[in-house]
Protein backbone atom coordinates (compact mmCIF):
# COMPACT_ATOMS: atom_id res chain seq x y z
CA UNK A 1 0.00 0.00 0.00
CA UNK A 2 1.29 3.45 -0.90
CA UNK A 3 -0.13 6.84 0.05
CA UNK A 4 0.92 10.06 -1.61
CA UNK A 5 0.07 13.60 -0.64
CA UNK A 6 -1.48 15.68 -3.39
CA UNK A 7 -1.31 19.40 -4.07
CA UNK A 8 -4.08 20.06 -1.56
CA UNK A 9 -2.43 18.04 1.19
CA UNK A 10 -4.93 15.21 0.66
CA UNK A 11 -4.01 11.54 0.89
CA UNK A 12 -4.23 9.28 -2.15
CA UNK A 13 -3.89 5.51 -1.73
CA UNK A 14 -2.91 2.85 -4.24
CA UNK A 15 -3.43 -0.81 -3.37
CA UNK A 16 -2.66 -3.93 -5.35
CA UNK A 17 -5.69 -6.21 -5.77
CA UNK A 18 -4.36 -9.66 -4.71
CA UNK A 19 -4.55 -12.36 -7.36
CA UNK A 20 -4.88 -9.85 -10.20
CA UNK A 21 -2.83 -7.37 -12.20
CA UNK A 22 -5.10 -4.55 -11.02
CA UNK A 23 -4.43 -1.54 -8.83
CA UNK A 24 -7.12 0.03 -6.68
CA UNK A 25 -6.97 3.81 -6.47
CA UNK A 26 -8.62 5.43 -3.47
CA UNK A 27 -9.01 9.19 -3.68
CA UNK A 28 -9.11 11.49 -0.66
CA UNK A 29 -12.85 11.96 -1.34
CA UNK A 30 -13.47 8.23 -0.88
CA UNK A 31 -13.98 7.43 -4.58
CA UNK A 32 -12.48 4.08 -5.60
CA UNK A 33 -11.62 2.70 -9.01
CA UNK A 34 -9.56 -0.22 -10.36
CA UNK A 35 -6.96 0.22 -13.08
CA UNK A 36 -4.53 -1.91 -15.04
CA UNK A 37 -2.36 1.09 -15.96
CA UNK A 38 -0.76 3.03 -13.09
CA UNK A 39 -0.51 6.18 -15.23
CA UNK A 40 -4.26 6.18 -15.82
CA UNK A 41 -4.80 5.60 -12.10
CA UNK A 42 -2.75 8.67 -11.11
CA UNK A 43 -4.33 10.79 -13.86
CA UNK A 44 -7.73 9.88 -12.44
CA UNK A 45 -6.81 10.64 -8.83
CA UNK A 46 -4.90 13.85 -9.50
CA UNK A 47 -7.62 15.06 -11.89
CA UNK A 48 -10.10 15.26 -9.00
CA UNK A 49 -13.05 15.70 -9.20
CA UNK A 50 -13.26 14.91 -12.94
CA UNK A 51 -14.30 11.30 -13.51
CA UNK A 52 -15.09 10.59 -9.87
CA UNK A 53 -18.84 10.43 -10.29
CA UNK A 54 -20.90 8.28 -12.58
CA UNK A 55 -23.69 9.90 -14.64
CA UNK A 56 -26.23 8.20 -12.33
CA UNK A 57 -24.91 10.04 -9.26
CA UNK A 58 -26.95 13.07 -8.21
CA UNK A 59 -25.40 16.48 -8.71
CA UNK A 60 -23.63 17.79 -5.62
CA UNK A 61 -25.51 20.34 -3.59
CA UNK A 62 -24.13 23.88 -3.78
CA UNK A 63 -22.07 25.05 -0.85
CA UNK A 64 -23.74 27.40 1.57
CA UNK A 65 -22.39 30.93 1.51
CA UNK A 66 -22.11 33.10 4.55
CA UNK A 67 -23.45 36.61 4.25
CA UNK A 68 -21.96 39.45 6.26
PDB file of N, CA and C in Angstrom:
ATOM      1  N   UNK A   1       0.840  -1.166   0.000  1.00  0.00           N
ATOM      2  CA  UNK A   1       0.000   0.000   0.000  1.00  0.00           C
ATOM      3  C   UNK A   1       0.894   1.241   0.000  1.00  0.00           C
ATOM      4  N   UNK A   2       0.493   2.237  -0.783  1.00  0.00           N
ATOM      5  CA  UNK A   2       1.291   3.450  -0.904  1.00  0.00           C
ATOM      6  C   UNK A   2       0.368   4.657  -0.852  1.00  0.00           C
ATOM      7  N   UNK A   3       0.642   5.603   0.019  1.00  0.00           N
ATOM      8  CA  UNK A   3      -0.131   6.839   0.054  1.00  0.00           C
ATOM      9  C   UNK A   3       0.748   7.980  -0.413  1.00  0.00           C
ATOM     10  N   UNK A   4       0.165   8.911  -1.115  1.00  0.00           N
ATOM     11  CA  UNK A   4       0.919  10.057  -1.608  1.00  0.00           C
ATOM     12  C   UNK A   4       0.101  11.306  -1.333  1.00  0.00           C
ATOM     13  N   UNK A   5       0.755  12.350  -0.929  1.00  0.00           N
ATOM     14  CA  UNK A   5       0.067  13.596  -0.636  1.00  0.00           C
ATOM     15  C   UNK A   5      -0.035  14.424  -1.908  1.00  0.00           C
ATOM     16  N   UNK A   6      -1.243  14.881  -2.205  1.00  0.00           N
ATOM     17  CA  UNK A   6      -1.477  15.683  -3.393  1.00  0.00           C
ATOM     18  C   UNK A   6      -1.238  17.152  -3.136  1.00  0.00           C
ATOM     19  N   UNK A   7      -1.533  17.956  -4.150  1.00  0.00           N
ATOM     20  CA  UNK A   7      -1.311  19.401  -4.069  1.00  0.00           C
ATOM     21  C   UNK A   7      -2.094  20.042  -2.933  1.00  0.00           C
ATOM     22  N   UNK A   8      -3.240  19.476  -2.603  1.00  0.00           N
ATOM     23  CA  UNK A   8      -4.079  20.060  -1.563  1.00  0.00           C
ATOM     24  C   UNK A   8      -3.762  19.497  -0.187  1.00  0.00           C
ATOM     25  N   UNK A   9      -2.762  18.647  -0.081  1.00  0.00           N
ATOM     26  CA  UNK A   9      -2.426  18.035   1.191  1.00  0.00           C
ATOM     27  C   UNK A   9      -3.276  16.813   1.473  1.00  0.00           C
ATOM     28  N   UNK A  10      -4.054  16.364   0.497  1.00  0.00           N
ATOM     29  CA  UNK A  10      -4.930  15.214   0.661  1.00  0.00           C
ATOM     30  C   UNK A  10      -4.154  13.920   0.446  1.00  0.00           C
ATOM     31  N   UNK A  11      -4.665  12.838   1.008  1.00  0.00           N
ATOM     32  CA  UNK A  11      -4.009  11.544   0.895  1.00  0.00           C
ATOM     33  C   UNK A  11      -4.646  10.733  -0.229  1.00  0.00           C
ATOM     34  N   UNK A  12      -3.822  10.182  -1.086  1.00  0.00           N
ATOM     35  CA  UNK A  12      -4.231   9.280  -2.147  1.00  0.00           C
ATOM     36  C   UNK A  12      -3.614   7.923  -1.838  1.00  0.00           C
ATOM     37  N   UNK A  13      -4.379   6.848  -2.039  1.00  0.00           N
ATOM     38  CA  UNK A  13      -3.894   5.514  -1.732  1.00  0.00           C
ATOM     39  C   UNK A  13      -3.975   4.635  -2.968  1.00  0.00           C
ATOM     40  N   UNK A  14      -2.933   3.830  -3.161  1.00  0.00           N
ATOM     41  CA  UNK A  14      -2.907   2.851  -4.241  1.00  0.00           C
ATOM     42  C   UNK A  14      -2.667   1.489  -3.604  1.00  0.00           C
ATOM     43  N   UNK A  15      -3.554   0.547  -3.900  1.00  0.00           N
ATOM     44  CA  UNK A  15      -3.429  -0.806  -3.370  1.00  0.00           C
ATOM     45  C   UNK A  15      -3.438  -1.804  -4.522  1.00  0.00           C
ATOM     46  N   UNK A  16      -2.640  -2.838  -4.401  1.00  0.00           N
ATOM     47  CA  UNK A  16      -2.659  -3.934  -5.354  1.00  0.00           C
ATOM     48  C   UNK A  16      -3.821  -4.834  -4.990  1.00  0.00           C
ATOM     49  N   UNK A  17      -4.585  -5.292  -5.992  1.00  0.00           N
ATOM     50  CA  UNK A  17      -5.692  -6.213  -5.770  1.00  0.00           C
ATOM     51  C   UNK A  17      -5.112  -7.623  -5.860  1.00  0.00           C
ATOM     52  N   UNK A  18      -4.995  -8.335  -4.718  1.00  0.00           N
ATOM     53  CA  UNK A  18      -4.364  -9.660  -4.706  1.00  0.00           C
ATOM     54  C   UNK A  18      -4.985 -10.627  -5.720  1.00  0.00           C
ATOM     55  N   UNK A  19      -4.112 -11.378  -6.370  1.00  0.00           N
ATOM     56  CA  UNK A  19      -4.553 -12.364  -7.355  1.00  0.00           C
ATOM     57  C   UNK A  19      -4.864 -11.790  -8.720  1.00  0.00           C
ATOM     58  N   UNK A  20      -4.603 -10.491  -8.916  1.00  0.00           N
ATOM     59  CA  UNK A  20      -4.883  -9.846 -10.205  1.00  0.00           C
ATOM     60  C   UNK A  20      -3.698  -8.965 -10.594  1.00  0.00           C
ATOM     61  N   UNK A  21      -3.802  -8.369 -11.767  1.00  0.00           N
ATOM     62  CA  UNK A  21      -2.830  -7.367 -12.205  1.00  0.00           C
ATOM     63  C   UNK A  21      -3.408  -5.963 -12.042  1.00  0.00           C
ATOM     64  N   UNK A  22      -4.401  -5.822 -11.174  1.00  0.00           N
ATOM     65  CA  UNK A  22      -5.096  -4.548 -11.023  1.00  0.00           C
ATOM     66  C   UNK A  22      -4.598  -3.775  -9.818  1.00  0.00           C
ATOM     67  N   UNK A  23      -4.719  -2.447  -9.934  1.00  0.00           N
ATOM     68  CA  UNK A  23      -4.427  -1.540  -8.834  1.00  0.00           C
ATOM     69  C   UNK A  23      -5.727  -0.834  -8.457  1.00  0.00           C
ATOM     70  N   UNK A  24      -5.948  -0.682  -7.172  1.00  0.00           N
ATOM     71  CA  UNK A  24      -7.123   0.026  -6.676  1.00  0.00           C
ATOM     72  C   UNK A  24      -6.687   1.410  -6.239  1.00  0.00           C
ATOM     73  N   UNK A  25      -7.246   2.434  -6.854  1.00  0.00           N
ATOM     74  CA  UNK A  25      -6.970   3.808  -6.466  1.00  0.00           C
ATOM     75  C   UNK A  25      -8.065   4.299  -5.542  1.00  0.00           C
ATOM     76  N   UNK A  26      -7.659   4.881  -4.432  1.00  0.00           N
ATOM     77  CA  UNK A  26      -8.622   5.429  -3.474  1.00  0.00           C
ATOM     78  C   UNK A  26      -8.295   6.908  -3.307  1.00  0.00           C
ATOM     79  N   UNK A  27      -9.201   7.747  -3.745  1.00  0.00           N
ATOM     80  CA  UNK A  27      -9.011   9.194  -3.682  1.00  0.00           C
ATOM     81  C   UNK A  27      -9.324   9.707  -2.282  1.00  0.00           C
ATOM     82  N   UNK A  28      -8.847  10.886  -1.967  1.00  0.00           N
ATOM     83  CA  UNK A  28      -9.115  11.488  -0.661  1.00  0.00           C
ATOM     84  C   UNK A  28     -10.602  11.698  -0.414  1.00  0.00           C
ATOM     85  N   UNK A  29     -11.414  11.760  -1.488  1.00  0.00           N
ATOM     86  CA  UNK A  29     -12.852  11.960  -1.338  1.00  0.00           C
ATOM     87  C   UNK A  29     -13.589  10.652  -1.064  1.00  0.00           C
ATOM     88  N   UNK A  30     -12.856   9.528  -1.128  1.00  0.00           N
ATOM     89  CA  UNK A  30     -13.472   8.230  -0.884  1.00  0.00           C
ATOM     90  C   UNK A  30     -13.820   7.471  -2.150  1.00  0.00           C
ATOM     91  N   UNK A  31     -13.714   8.117  -3.314  1.00  0.00           N
ATOM     92  CA  UNK A  31     -13.982   7.433  -4.576  1.00  0.00           C
ATOM     93  C   UNK A  31     -12.932   6.343  -4.788  1.00  0.00           C
ATOM     94  N   UNK A  32     -13.364   5.210  -5.344  1.00  0.00           N
ATOM     95  CA  UNK A  32     -12.478   4.077  -5.598  1.00  0.00           C
ATOM     96  C   UNK A  32     -12.658   3.620  -7.043  1.00  0.00           C
ATOM     97  N   UNK A  33     -11.557   3.201  -7.641  1.00  0.00           N
ATOM     98  CA  UNK A  33     -11.619   2.696  -9.011  1.00  0.00           C
ATOM     99  C   UNK A  33     -10.427   1.790  -9.261  1.00  0.00           C
ATOM    100  N   UNK A  34     -10.639   0.725 -10.036  1.00  0.00           N
ATOM    101  CA  UNK A  34      -9.565  -0.216 -10.362  1.00  0.00           C
ATOM    102  C   UNK A  34      -8.991   0.090 -11.731  1.00  0.00           C
ATOM    103  N   UNK A  35      -7.679  -0.091 -11.839  1.00  0.00           N
ATOM    104  CA  UNK A  35      -6.965   0.215 -13.076  1.00  0.00           C
ATOM    105  C   UNK A  35      -5.930  -0.868 -13.356  1.00  0.00           C
ATOM    106  N   UNK A  36      -5.649  -1.075 -14.636  1.00  0.00           N
ATOM    107  CA  UNK A  36      -4.526  -1.912 -15.045  1.00  0.00           C
ATOM    108  C   UNK A  36      -3.280  -1.055 -15.221  1.00  0.00           C
ATOM    109  N   UNK A  37      -3.467   0.181 -15.642  1.00  0.00           N
ATOM    110  CA  UNK A  37      -2.361   1.090 -15.956  1.00  0.00           C
ATOM    111  C   UNK A  37      -2.156   2.094 -14.833  1.00  0.00           C
ATOM    112  N   UNK A  38      -0.984   2.090 -14.188  1.00  0.00           N
ATOM    113  CA  UNK A  38      -0.756   3.028 -13.087  1.00  0.00           C
ATOM    114  C   UNK A  38      -0.797   4.497 -13.511  1.00  0.00           C
ATOM    115  N   UNK A  39      -0.455   4.781 -14.757  1.00  0.00           N
ATOM    116  CA  UNK A  39      -0.505   6.177 -15.226  1.00  0.00           C
ATOM    117  C   UNK A  39      -1.952   6.657 -15.285  1.00  0.00           C
ATOM    118  N   UNK A  40      -2.851   5.811 -15.786  1.00  0.00           N
ATOM    119  CA  UNK A  40      -4.265   6.177 -15.824  1.00  0.00           C
ATOM    120  C   UNK A  40      -4.817   6.345 -14.412  1.00  0.00           C
ATOM    121  N   UNK A  41      -4.365   5.503 -13.497  1.00  0.00           N
ATOM    122  CA  UNK A  41      -4.797   5.600 -12.105  1.00  0.00           C
ATOM    123  C   UNK A  41      -4.437   6.965 -11.531  1.00  0.00           C
ATOM    124  N   UNK A  42      -3.181   7.386 -11.677  1.00  0.00           N
ATOM    125  CA  UNK A  42      -2.753   8.672 -11.115  1.00  0.00           C
ATOM    126  C   UNK A  42      -3.396   9.844 -11.838  1.00  0.00           C
ATOM    127  N   UNK A  43      -3.613   9.735 -13.149  1.00  0.00           N
ATOM    128  CA  UNK A  43      -4.327  10.793 -13.862  1.00  0.00           C
ATOM    129  C   UNK A  43      -5.736  10.968 -13.292  1.00  0.00           C
ATOM    130  N   UNK A  44      -6.377   9.845 -12.995  1.00  0.00           N
ATOM    131  CA  UNK A  44      -7.729   9.880 -12.441  1.00  0.00           C
ATOM    132  C   UNK A  44      -7.734  10.531 -11.056  1.00  0.00           C
ATOM    133  N   UNK A  45      -6.828  10.097 -10.194  1.00  0.00           N
ATOM    134  CA  UNK A  45      -6.811  10.636  -8.832  1.00  0.00           C
ATOM    135  C   UNK A  45      -6.405  12.103  -8.790  1.00  0.00           C
ATOM    136  N   UNK A  46      -5.379  12.468  -9.536  1.00  0.00           N
ATOM    137  CA  UNK A  46      -4.901  13.846  -9.500  1.00  0.00           C
ATOM    138  C   UNK A  46      -5.790  14.797 -10.288  1.00  0.00           C
ATOM    139  N   UNK A  47      -6.681  14.251 -11.122  1.00  0.00           N
ATOM    140  CA  UNK A  47      -7.623  15.065 -11.888  1.00  0.00           C
ATOM    141  C   UNK A  47      -8.910  15.329 -11.128  1.00  0.00           C
ATOM    142  N   UNK A  48      -8.911  15.097  -9.832  1.00  0.00           N
ATOM    143  CA  UNK A  48     -10.097  15.256  -8.996  1.00  0.00           C
ATOM    144  C   UNK A  48     -10.737  16.619  -9.202  1.00  0.00           C
ATOM    145  N   UNK A  49     -12.032  16.730  -9.331  1.00  0.00           N
ATOM    146  CA  UNK A  49     -13.055  15.703  -9.201  1.00  0.00           C
ATOM    147  C   UNK A  49     -13.502  15.111 -10.523  1.00  0.00           C
ATOM    148  N   UNK A  50     -12.854  15.436 -11.634  1.00  0.00           N
ATOM    149  CA  UNK A  50     -13.255  14.909 -12.939  1.00  0.00           C
ATOM    150  C   UNK A  50     -13.196  13.386 -12.933  1.00  0.00           C
ATOM    151  N   UNK A  51     -14.269  12.741 -13.387  1.00  0.00           N
ATOM    152  CA  UNK A  51     -14.298  11.295 -13.507  1.00  0.00           C
ATOM    153  C   UNK A  51     -14.610  10.553 -12.228  1.00  0.00           C
ATOM    154  N   UNK A  52     -14.836  11.263 -11.133  1.00  0.00           N
ATOM    155  CA  UNK A  52     -15.093  10.595  -9.866  1.00  0.00           C
ATOM    156  C   UNK A  52     -16.542  10.186  -9.686  1.00  0.00           C
ATOM    157  N   UNK A  53     -17.432  10.759 -10.437  1.00  0.00           N
ATOM    158  CA  UNK A  53     -18.845  10.434 -10.285  1.00  0.00           C
ATOM    159  C   UNK A  53     -19.352   9.790 -11.555  1.00  0.00           C
ATOM    160  N   UNK A  54     -20.278   8.875 -11.408  1.00  0.00           N
ATOM    161  CA  UNK A  54     -20.905   8.284 -12.579  1.00  0.00           C
ATOM    162  C   UNK A  54     -22.085   9.169 -12.974  1.00  0.00           C
ATOM    163  N   UNK A  55     -22.559   9.067 -14.218  1.00  0.00           N
ATOM    164  CA  UNK A  55     -23.690   9.900 -14.644  1.00  0.00           C
ATOM    165  C   UNK A  55     -24.941   9.667 -13.797  1.00  0.00           C
ATOM    166  N   UNK A  56     -25.054   8.501 -13.141  1.00  0.00           N
ATOM    167  CA  UNK A  56     -26.233   8.199 -12.326  1.00  0.00           C
ATOM    168  C   UNK A  56     -26.195   8.892 -10.968  1.00  0.00           C
ATOM    169  N   UNK A  57     -25.029   9.363 -10.554  1.00  0.00           N
ATOM    170  CA  UNK A  57     -24.915  10.041  -9.264  1.00  0.00           C
ATOM    171  C   UNK A  57     -25.636  11.381  -9.311  1.00  0.00           C
ATOM    172  N   UNK A  58     -26.297  11.759  -8.221  1.00  0.00           N
ATOM    173  CA  UNK A  58     -26.947  13.074  -8.208  1.00  0.00           C
ATOM    174  C   UNK A  58     -25.909  14.188  -8.201  1.00  0.00           C
ATOM    175  N   UNK A  59     -26.304  15.323  -8.705  1.00  0.00           N
ATOM    176  CA  UNK A  59     -25.404  16.484  -8.712  1.00  0.00           C
ATOM    177  C   UNK A  59     -25.138  16.911  -7.274  1.00  0.00           C
ATOM    178  N   UNK A  60     -23.917  17.350  -6.980  1.00  0.00           N
ATOM    179  CA  UNK A  60     -23.631  17.788  -5.616  1.00  0.00           C
ATOM    180  C   UNK A  60     -24.428  19.046  -5.280  1.00  0.00           C
ATOM    181  N   UNK A  61     -24.784  19.159  -4.018  1.00  0.00           N
ATOM    182  CA  UNK A  61     -25.514  20.337  -3.586  1.00  0.00           C
ATOM    183  C   UNK A  61     -24.557  21.515  -3.507  1.00  0.00           C
ATOM    184  N   UNK A  62     -25.018  22.721  -3.851  1.00  0.00           N
ATOM    185  CA  UNK A  62     -24.129  23.884  -3.783  1.00  0.00           C
ATOM    186  C   UNK A  62     -23.741  24.174  -2.343  1.00  0.00           C
ATOM    187  N   UNK A  63     -22.549  24.699  -2.188  1.00  0.00           N
ATOM    188  CA  UNK A  63     -22.067  25.046  -0.845  1.00  0.00           C
ATOM    189  C   UNK A  63     -22.839  26.259  -0.330  1.00  0.00           C
ATOM    190  N   UNK A  64     -23.061  26.253   0.957  1.00  0.00           N
ATOM    191  CA  UNK A  64     -23.739  27.402   1.567  1.00  0.00           C
ATOM    192  C   UNK A  64     -22.767  28.563   1.662  1.00  0.00           C
ATOM    193  N   UNK A  65     -23.241  29.745   1.390  1.00  0.00           N
ATOM    194  CA  UNK A  65     -22.386  30.930   1.506  1.00  0.00           C
ATOM    195  C   UNK A  65     -22.812  31.729   2.722  1.00  0.00           C
ATOM    196  N   UNK A  66     -21.846  32.301   3.348  1.00  0.00           N
ATOM    197  CA  UNK A  66     -22.115  33.096   4.549  1.00  0.00           C
ATOM    198  C   UNK A  66     -22.200  34.557   4.155  1.00  0.00           C
ATOM    199  N   UNK A  67     -23.268  35.196   4.569  1.00  0.00           N
ATOM    200  CA  UNK A  67     -23.449  36.611   4.254  1.00  0.00           C
ATOM    201  C   UNK A  67     -23.054  37.449   5.453  1.00  0.00           C
ATOM    202  N   UNK A  68     -22.396  38.555   5.164  1.00  0.00           N
ATOM    203  CA  UNK A  68     -21.960  39.446   6.260  1.00  0.00           C
ATOM    204  C   UNK A  68     -23.054  40.359   6.682  1.00  0.00           C
TER     205      UNK A  68
END
